[in-house]
Amino acid sequence: MLRAVIWISVMGLALCRPSENHLETESGEVRSEAIRRLLEVFGMEDPPAALARGHKQPPQYMLDLYNTIADVDGVTKDPTLLEGNTVRSFFDKLHSDQIEFLFNMSTVAKSEKILTAELHLFKLRPQASLTFNRHHFCQVSVYQVLDSSKKNVSQGKKLLSSRLVPIHSSGWEVFTITQAVRSWMSDERSNLGLLVSVRTLAGLQMDLKTVRFASGRNHHHSKQPMLVLFTDDGRRAASLEITPKGSDDSPVGPSLPFPSLSLPAAARRSARSIDYDESGEKMPCQRLPLYVDFEEIGWSGWIVSPRGYNAYHCKGSCPFPLGQNMRPTNHATVQSIINALKLTKGIKTPCCVPDKLFSINLLYFDDDENVVLKQYDDMVAGSCGCH
């Protein structure tokens, strides 16, 4: 009888205790859901495939642009530096011996607003035997191909950009081709590529050995022809529009689209002691570190920079009376007074929340191995206050 009781008790405990497999499955589901929602914040349905890129390097232009607008943690230095919130670089897919190019724009969403498109060509020095050419300048013109069978006549192409270029110079030449890209985005089939012509000031065709541009076939990858596209995906405008006016005490500006997650019991219990430090003393509202490590999340295979960033978080109490160092709003001050005087039941003290938010920038490879620079608003708590 005693053995039976013991056996039943042990079996009961075994049945009540969650199995390790069940806990692992639940943990895996929570992680998957968390990653999915984080991808939503970054405007993606799925993460780009991790590249086994080895020697694959982002264009120097994109690295320089990233370092110009972002600090070492990816935080935006000056919001006015970048036109729009997305910059993409595309490499030529044609690799022709002639000066003609084709760029695959399929990764650009039709909803994105095309702001500026540029063709970047690296001009090589003339060959030594042609150094003493009597011409000092040439006319370089970029055309949109309208008909592949007639691209050598005026009816088959449209002039996009043209200017004088020194024959003996070397370095990057940039031409605006926004009109062509806008037409390609409205009709994908119209993307027949670009054609470049080089002529003397008298209008005569120049020898391609005299004026040479690097190609994707025969020259170093750092000098490949490249299309750089500046767009805006509208996320800023949309996030401002969906913020209800006077909905709560949240800081000025759009909030991140984080749906609420149900917390486990342990997390709910720990929430009661959130305003206390290790010594048991009440901690005033302040900003504390919160590092987001992309390698731990599993995104280091496609993100070039940063490797992670400090999002910071706000923690602490907002006791009466609220001092100016707690950066309270007028509403928070009134709420604090009502709470202290117990004039109305159920009125809590104000909350410690971010009152200034900064954007961050990501430089990454997309699924087509194009390099993308994207700016995301409201990703870093710049300061905290009682609201």
Protein backbone atom coordinates (compact mmCIF):
# COMPACT_ATOMS: atom_id res chain seq x y z
CA MET A 1 0.00 0.00 0.00
CA LEU A 2 2.79 2.41 0.98
CA ARG A 3 4.68 1.55 -2.22
CA ALA A 4 1.56 2.29 -4.26
CA VAL A 5 1.13 5.70 -2.58
CA ILE A 6 4.77 6.58 -3.20
CA TRP A 7 4.50 5.43 -6.84
CA ILE A 8 1.35 7.50 -7.38
CA SER A 9 2.99 10.56 -5.77
CA VAL A 10 6.10 10.27 -7.95
CA MET A 11 3.99 9.82 -11.07
CA GLY A 12 1.91 12.85 -10.10
CA LEU A 13 5.03 15.01 -9.76
CA ALA A 14 6.32 13.76 -13.09
CA LEU A 15 3.04 14.61 -14.77
CA CYS A 16 2.88 18.09 -13.20
CA ARG A 17 6.47 19.00 -14.06
CA PRO A 18 6.86 20.31 -17.65
CA SER A 19 9.15 18.14 -19.75
CA GLU A 20 12.45 19.57 -21.01
CA ASN A 21 11.28 19.04 -24.60
CA HIS A 22 8.13 21.06 -23.89
CA LEU A 23 10.17 23.93 -22.38
CA GLU A 24 12.59 23.89 -25.32
CA THR A 25 9.70 23.93 -27.79
CA GLU A 26 8.03 26.84 -25.97
CA SER A 27 11.34 28.72 -25.81
CA GLY A 28 11.89 28.13 -29.53
CA GLU A 29 8.41 29.42 -30.35
CA VAL A 30 8.94 32.56 -28.26
CA ARG A 31 12.28 33.20 -29.99
CA SER A 32 10.75 32.70 -33.45
CA GLU A 33 7.90 35.08 -32.63
CA ALA A 34 10.31 37.66 -31.17
CA ILE A 35 12.55 37.51 -34.28
CA ARG A 36 9.50 37.80 -36.55
CA ARG A 37 8.34 40.93 -34.73
CA LEU A 38 11.83 42.40 -34.77
CA LEU A 39 11.90 41.87 -38.55
CA GLU A 40 8.62 43.82 -38.73
CA VAL A 41 10.34 46.72 -37.00
CA PHE A 42 13.03 46.58 -39.70
CA GLY A 43 10.42 46.42 -42.46
CA MET A 44 11.19 42.85 -43.54
CA GLU A 45 9.16 39.67 -43.82
CA ASP A 46 12.20 37.39 -43.80
CA PRO A 47 15.87 38.06 -43.12
CA PRO A 48 18.09 38.12 -46.23
CA ALA A 49 20.01 34.89 -46.77
CA ALA A 50 23.33 34.86 -44.91
CA LEU A 51 26.04 35.20 -47.54
CA ALA A 52 29.01 32.92 -47.81
CA ARG A 53 30.56 35.95 -49.44
CA GLY A 54 34.21 35.51 -48.41
CA HIS A 55 35.87 38.22 -50.47
CA LYS A 56 32.56 39.96 -51.17
CA GLN A 57 32.93 43.55 -49.99
CA PRO A 58 30.43 46.41 -49.95
CA PRO A 59 31.19 49.31 -52.32
CA GLN A 60 33.47 51.91 -50.79
CA TYR A 61 30.89 54.57 -51.63
CA MET A 62 28.32 52.85 -49.41
CA LEU A 63 30.82 52.44 -46.56
CA ASP A 64 31.79 56.11 -46.81
CA LEU A 65 28.13 57.18 -46.90
CA TYR A 66 27.35 55.06 -43.83
CA ASN A 67 30.30 56.53 -41.90
CA THR A 68 29.22 60.04 -42.89
CA ILE A 69 25.69 59.76 -41.52
CA ALA A 70 26.18 57.31 -38.61
CA ASP A 71 28.46 56.98 -35.61
CA VAL A 72 30.22 53.75 -34.58
CA ASP A 73 26.96 52.39 -33.07
CA GLY A 74 24.92 53.22 -36.17
CA VAL A 75 23.13 56.16 -34.53
CA THR A 76 22.32 58.99 -36.96
CA LYS A 77 24.63 61.99 -36.57
CA ASP A 78 22.36 64.45 -38.37
CA PRO A 79 18.88 63.53 -39.70
CA THR A 80 19.18 66.07 -42.54
CA LEU A 81 22.23 64.44 -44.14
CA LEU A 82 20.37 61.62 -45.89
CA GLU A 83 17.77 62.19 -48.59
CA GLY A 84 14.92 59.79 -47.83
CA ASN A 85 15.57 56.78 -45.61
CA THR A 86 16.96 54.16 -47.99
CA VAL A 87 20.02 53.99 -50.27
CA ARG A 88 20.68 50.98 -52.49
CA SER A 89 23.64 50.11 -54.70
CA PHE A 90 23.28 47.85 -57.74
CA PHE A 91 26.05 46.31 -59.82
CA ASP A 92 25.88 45.93 -63.60
CA LYS A 93 24.51 42.56 -64.76
CA LEU A 94 25.48 42.91 -68.44
CA HIS A 95 29.32 42.97 -68.25
CA SER A 96 29.51 44.15 -71.87
CA ASP A 97 32.68 45.11 -73.76
CA GLN A 98 30.80 48.23 -74.84
CA ILE A 99 29.84 51.04 -72.44
CA GLU A 100 26.34 49.73 -71.76
CA PHE A 101 24.83 48.54 -68.51
CA LEU A 102 21.84 46.67 -67.11
CA PHE A 103 20.72 46.81 -63.48
CA ASN A 104 18.20 44.50 -61.80
CA MET A 105 15.80 46.68 -59.79
CA SER A 106 13.43 43.91 -58.69
CA THR A 107 14.25 44.29 -54.97
CA VAL A 108 12.81 47.84 -54.90
CA ALA A 109 9.20 47.91 -53.74
CA LYS A 110 6.79 49.74 -56.06
CA SER A 111 5.49 51.66 -53.06
CA GLU A 112 8.86 53.34 -52.51
CA LYS A 113 9.22 56.93 -53.63
CA ILE A 114 12.14 57.34 -56.05
CA LEU A 115 14.07 60.46 -55.05
CA THR A 116 17.37 60.33 -56.93
CA ALA A 117 19.17 57.76 -59.06
CA GLU A 118 22.84 58.02 -60.04
CA LEU A 119 25.09 56.09 -62.39
CA HIS A 120 28.62 55.83 -60.94
CA LEU A 121 31.38 55.10 -63.48
CA PHE A 122 35.08 54.87 -62.69
CA LYS A 123 37.16 56.62 -65.39
CA LEU A 124 40.54 55.03 -65.98
CA ARG A 125 43.64 56.91 -67.12
CA PRO A 126 44.30 56.84 -70.88
CA GLN A 127 46.84 54.25 -72.02
CA ALA A 128 50.41 55.54 -72.04
CA SER A 129 50.63 55.48 -75.85
CA LEU A 130 47.63 57.81 -76.05
CA THR A 131 48.67 60.26 -73.33
CA PHE A 132 49.53 63.04 -75.78
CA ASN A 133 46.10 63.22 -77.34
CA ARG A 134 45.30 66.61 -78.84
CA HIS A 135 41.89 66.64 -77.13
CA HIS A 136 41.65 67.80 -73.52
CA PHE A 137 37.91 67.25 -72.95
CA CYS A 138 35.28 64.86 -74.19
CA GLN A 139 31.48 64.84 -74.08
CA VAL A 140 30.14 61.90 -72.05
CA SER A 141 26.42 61.22 -72.50
CA VAL A 142 24.20 58.66 -70.77
CA TYR A 143 21.12 57.34 -72.58
CA GLN A 144 18.16 55.20 -71.57
CA VAL A 145 17.72 52.39 -74.08
CA LEU A 146 14.15 52.44 -75.45
CA ASP A 147 14.55 49.85 -78.22
CA SER A 148 17.40 47.30 -78.15
CA SER A 149 17.30 46.93 -81.94
CA LYS A 150 17.69 50.70 -82.51
CA LYS A 151 19.97 51.78 -79.67
CA ASN A 152 22.54 53.21 -82.09
CA VAL A 153 20.05 55.67 -83.56
CA SER A 154 18.26 58.54 -81.83
CA GLN A 155 14.83 56.86 -81.99
CA GLY A 156 16.00 53.96 -79.86
CA LYS A 157 17.38 55.91 -76.93
CA LYS A 158 16.64 58.87 -74.66
CA LEU A 159 19.26 61.31 -73.35
CA LEU A 160 19.41 61.38 -69.54
CA SER A 161 22.61 63.25 -68.69
CA SER A 162 25.56 64.77 -70.54
CA ARG A 163 28.62 66.79 -69.62
CA LEU A 164 32.28 67.53 -70.37
CA VAL A 165 34.89 65.30 -68.75
CA PRO A 166 38.69 65.90 -68.81
CA ILE A 167 40.32 63.20 -70.95
CA HIS A 168 43.40 62.85 -68.73
CA SER A 169 41.48 62.64 -65.44
CA SER A 170 40.93 59.50 -63.39
CA GLY A 171 38.28 58.73 -60.77
CA TRP A 172 34.54 58.42 -60.26
CA GLU A 173 32.11 60.23 -62.56
CA VAL A 174 28.49 60.48 -61.45
CA PHE A 175 25.50 60.99 -63.77
CA THR A 176 21.87 61.56 -62.74
CA ILE A 177 19.49 58.98 -64.26
CA THR A 178 16.39 59.48 -62.09
CA GLN A 179 13.98 59.69 -65.06
CA ALA A 180 15.01 56.26 -66.34
CA VAL A 181 14.65 54.52 -62.98
CA ARG A 182 11.20 56.03 -62.41
CA SER A 183 10.05 54.71 -65.79
CA TRP A 184 11.53 51.26 -64.99
CA MET A 185 9.65 51.18 -61.69
CA SER A 186 6.34 52.00 -63.39
CA ASP A 187 6.96 49.38 -66.11
CA GLU A 188 9.51 46.68 -65.32
CA ARG A 189 9.64 45.53 -68.97
CA SER A 190 10.94 48.95 -70.06
CA ASN A 191 14.25 48.33 -68.28
CA LEU A 192 16.46 47.69 -71.31
CA GLY A 193 19.54 49.24 -69.73
CA LEU A 194 21.73 52.27 -70.22
CA LEU A 195 24.09 53.26 -73.02
CA VAL A 196 27.06 55.65 -72.68
CA SER A 197 28.62 57.50 -75.60
CA VAL A 198 31.91 59.41 -75.62
CA ARG A 199 32.44 62.06 -78.30
CA THR A 200 34.79 64.91 -79.11
CA LEU A 201 33.60 68.47 -78.73
CA ALA A 202 32.99 68.39 -82.48
CA GLY A 203 30.58 65.47 -82.01
CA LEU A 204 32.80 62.71 -83.39
CA GLN A 205 32.85 59.27 -81.74
CA MET A 206 36.02 58.80 -79.68
CA ASP A 207 38.15 55.67 -79.54
CA LEU A 208 37.26 53.65 -76.42
CA LYS A 209 40.98 53.17 -75.79
CA THR A 210 41.34 56.91 -75.30
CA VAL A 211 38.53 57.34 -72.78
CA ARG A 212 38.08 54.18 -70.74
CA PHE A 213 35.66 53.30 -67.98
CA ALA A 214 36.14 50.34 -65.66
CA SER A 215 33.87 47.38 -66.32
CA GLY A 216 32.65 44.61 -64.06
CA ARG A 217 34.42 42.05 -66.23
CA ASN A 218 38.03 43.21 -66.45
CA HIS A 219 38.64 45.47 -63.46
CA HIS A 220 38.78 45.35 -59.67
CA HIS A 221 35.38 45.04 -57.94
CA SER A 222 35.98 48.36 -56.16
CA LYS A 223 35.75 50.10 -59.57
CA GLN A 224 32.67 48.33 -60.92
CA PRO A 225 29.92 50.38 -62.60
CA MET A 226 27.20 51.00 -60.05
CA LEU A 227 23.70 52.42 -59.84
CA VAL A 228 22.98 54.22 -56.57
CA LEU A 229 19.32 54.76 -55.71
CA PHE A 230 17.92 57.07 -53.01
CA THR A 231 14.33 56.28 -51.98
CA ASP A 232 11.85 56.78 -49.16
CA ASP A 233 9.62 53.88 -48.14
CA GLY A 234 7.11 56.16 -46.41
CA ARG A 235 7.52 54.57 -42.98
CA ARG A 236 8.19 57.94 -41.35
CA ALA A 237 5.02 59.55 -42.70
CA ALA A 238 2.92 56.48 -41.93
CA SER A 239 4.16 56.17 -38.36
CA LEU A 240 3.36 59.84 -37.69
CA GLU A 241 -0.13 59.49 -39.12
CA ILE A 242 -1.08 56.49 -36.98
CA THR A 243 0.01 58.12 -33.72
CA PRO A 244 -3.24 59.19 -32.02
CA LYS A 245 -3.15 62.81 -30.90
CA GLY A 246 -3.09 62.98 -27.10
CA SER A 247 -3.52 59.20 -26.83
CA ASP A 248 -1.21 58.91 -23.83
CA ASP A 249 1.92 60.34 -22.26
CA SER A 250 4.28 58.85 -24.81
CA PRO A 251 7.11 61.06 -26.08
CA VAL A 252 6.65 63.20 -29.15
CA GLY A 253 7.14 61.18 -32.34
CA PRO A 254 6.06 57.78 -33.63
CA SER A 255 6.31 54.69 -31.50
CA LEU A 256 7.80 51.38 -32.63
CA PRO A 257 5.31 48.80 -33.92
CA PHE A 258 5.91 46.30 -31.09
CA PRO A 259 2.75 44.31 -30.37
CA SER A 260 2.33 43.48 -26.70
CA LEU A 261 3.77 40.13 -25.61
CA SER A 262 2.25 38.17 -22.76
CA LEU A 263 4.85 37.89 -20.02
CA PRO A 264 5.54 34.72 -18.05
CA ALA A 265 4.67 34.76 -14.34
CA ALA A 266 8.30 35.25 -13.30
CA ALA A 267 8.56 38.40 -15.41
CA ARG A 268 5.30 39.74 -13.98
CA ARG A 269 6.57 39.18 -10.44
CA SER A 270 9.88 40.94 -11.16
CA ALA A 271 7.99 43.92 -12.58
CA ARG A 272 6.86 44.83 -9.06
CA SER A 273 10.44 45.60 -8.02
CA ILE A 274 11.42 47.47 -11.18
CA ASP A 275 11.91 50.81 -9.39
CA TYR A 276 14.38 49.48 -6.81
CA ASP A 277 18.15 49.02 -7.07
CA GLU A 278 20.16 46.14 -5.55
CA SER A 279 20.31 47.80 -2.13
CA GLY A 280 16.52 48.09 -1.99
CA GLU A 281 16.56 51.88 -2.42
CA LYS A 282 14.09 53.49 -4.78
CA MET A 283 15.82 54.36 -8.05
CA PRO A 284 14.88 57.64 -9.76
CA CYS A 285 13.93 57.63 -13.44
CA GLN A 286 17.07 57.22 -15.53
CA ARG A 287 18.46 55.85 -18.78
CA LEU A 288 20.24 52.47 -18.61
CA PRO A 289 22.09 50.40 -21.26
CA LEU A 290 20.28 47.86 -23.43
CA TYR A 291 22.62 46.37 -26.04
CA VAL A 292 21.16 44.69 -29.11
CA ASP A 293 23.71 42.19 -30.49
CA PHE A 294 22.95 41.19 -34.09
CA GLU A 295 25.33 38.24 -33.88
CA GLU A 296 23.39 36.76 -30.95
CA ILE A 297 20.14 37.23 -32.88
CA GLY A 298 21.72 35.40 -35.83
CA TRP A 299 21.87 38.33 -38.27
CA SER A 300 25.65 38.84 -38.53
CA GLY A 301 25.72 36.92 -41.84
CA TRP A 302 24.03 39.73 -43.78
CA ILE A 303 24.49 42.91 -41.71
CA VAL A 304 27.70 44.76 -42.56
CA SER A 305 27.45 47.45 -39.93
CA PRO A 306 26.90 47.99 -37.06
CA ARG A 307 27.49 44.65 -35.35
CA GLY A 308 25.01 45.78 -32.71
CA TYR A 309 23.82 48.96 -31.02
CA ASN A 310 22.84 50.33 -27.62
CA ALA A 311 19.08 50.92 -27.66
CA TYR A 312 19.06 51.98 -23.96
CA HIS A 313 15.96 51.67 -21.79
CA CYS A 314 14.27 53.75 -19.11
CA LYS A 315 13.87 52.53 -15.56
CA GLY A 316 13.05 54.03 -12.20
CA SER A 317 10.34 55.74 -10.21
CA CYS A 318 8.69 59.11 -10.60
CA PRO A 319 7.90 60.12 -6.99
CA PHE A 320 6.14 63.30 -5.90
CA PRO A 321 7.29 66.07 -6.20
CA LEU A 322 8.69 65.74 -9.73
CA GLY A 323 11.87 67.75 -10.18
CA GLN A 324 12.93 69.31 -13.47
CA ASN A 325 15.77 66.77 -13.66
CA MET A 326 13.07 64.16 -14.30
CA ARG A 327 11.98 66.12 -17.39
CA PRO A 328 8.24 65.82 -16.56
CA THR A 329 5.48 66.97 -18.86
CA ASN A 330 2.81 69.27 -17.43
CA HIS A 331 0.39 66.35 -17.62
CA ALA A 332 2.78 64.14 -15.61
CA THR A 333 3.15 66.87 -12.98
CA VAL A 334 -0.65 67.14 -12.59
CA GLN A 335 -0.99 63.35 -12.46
CA SER A 336 1.71 63.19 -9.77
CA ILE A 337 -0.14 65.79 -7.67
CA ILE A 338 -3.50 63.98 -8.01
CA ASN A 339 -1.82 60.72 -7.00
CA ALA A 340 -0.09 62.32 -3.98
CA LEU A 341 -3.31 63.97 -2.74
CA LYS A 342 -5.32 60.78 -3.41
CA LEU A 343 -8.04 62.88 -5.01
CA THR A 344 -9.06 60.15 -7.43
CA LYS A 345 -8.88 56.42 -6.94
CA GLY A 346 -6.75 54.32 -9.29
CA ILE A 347 -4.47 57.14 -10.44
CA LYS A 348 -0.90 55.83 -10.58
CA THR A 349 2.34 57.80 -10.47
CA PRO A 350 3.74 58.88 -13.86
CA CYS A 351 5.92 56.37 -15.73
CA CYS A 352 9.60 56.55 -16.59
CA VAL A 353 9.72 56.44 -20.41
CA PRO A 354 11.90 57.70 -23.30
CA ASP A 355 11.22 61.35 -24.08
CA LYS A 356 13.73 61.63 -26.91
CA LEU A 357 14.35 58.96 -29.55
CA PHE A 358 17.12 58.68 -32.15
CA SER A 359 17.29 56.77 -35.43
CA ILE A 360 19.85 54.13 -36.35
CA ASN A 361 21.27 53.05 -39.71
CA LEU A 362 21.85 49.55 -41.02
CA LEU A 363 24.23 48.67 -43.85
CA TYR A 364 23.45 45.20 -45.16
CA PHE A 365 23.34 42.80 -48.13
CA ASP A 366 19.91 41.97 -49.52
CA ASP A 367 18.91 38.67 -51.16
CA ASP A 368 20.31 39.82 -54.52
CA GLU A 369 23.66 40.74 -52.90
CA ASN A 370 22.99 44.45 -53.37
CA VAL A 371 24.19 46.62 -50.51
CA VAL A 372 21.46 48.62 -48.77
CA LEU A 373 21.76 51.50 -46.31
CA LYS A 374 18.52 52.00 -44.40
CA GLN A 375 17.59 54.43 -41.65
CA TYR A 376 15.11 53.43 -38.93
CA ASP A 377 13.42 56.03 -36.74
CA ASP A 378 12.92 55.87 -32.96
CA MET A 379 15.33 53.02 -32.25
CA VAL A 380 17.45 54.52 -29.45
CA ALA A 381 16.24 56.12 -26.22
CA GLY A 382 18.12 59.41 -26.16
CA SER A 383 16.88 60.46 -22.74
CA CYS A 384 14.24 59.49 -20.19
CA GLY A 385 11.61 61.42 -18.32
CA CYS A 386 8.46 61.09 -16.24
CA HIS A 387 5.34 61.06 -18.39
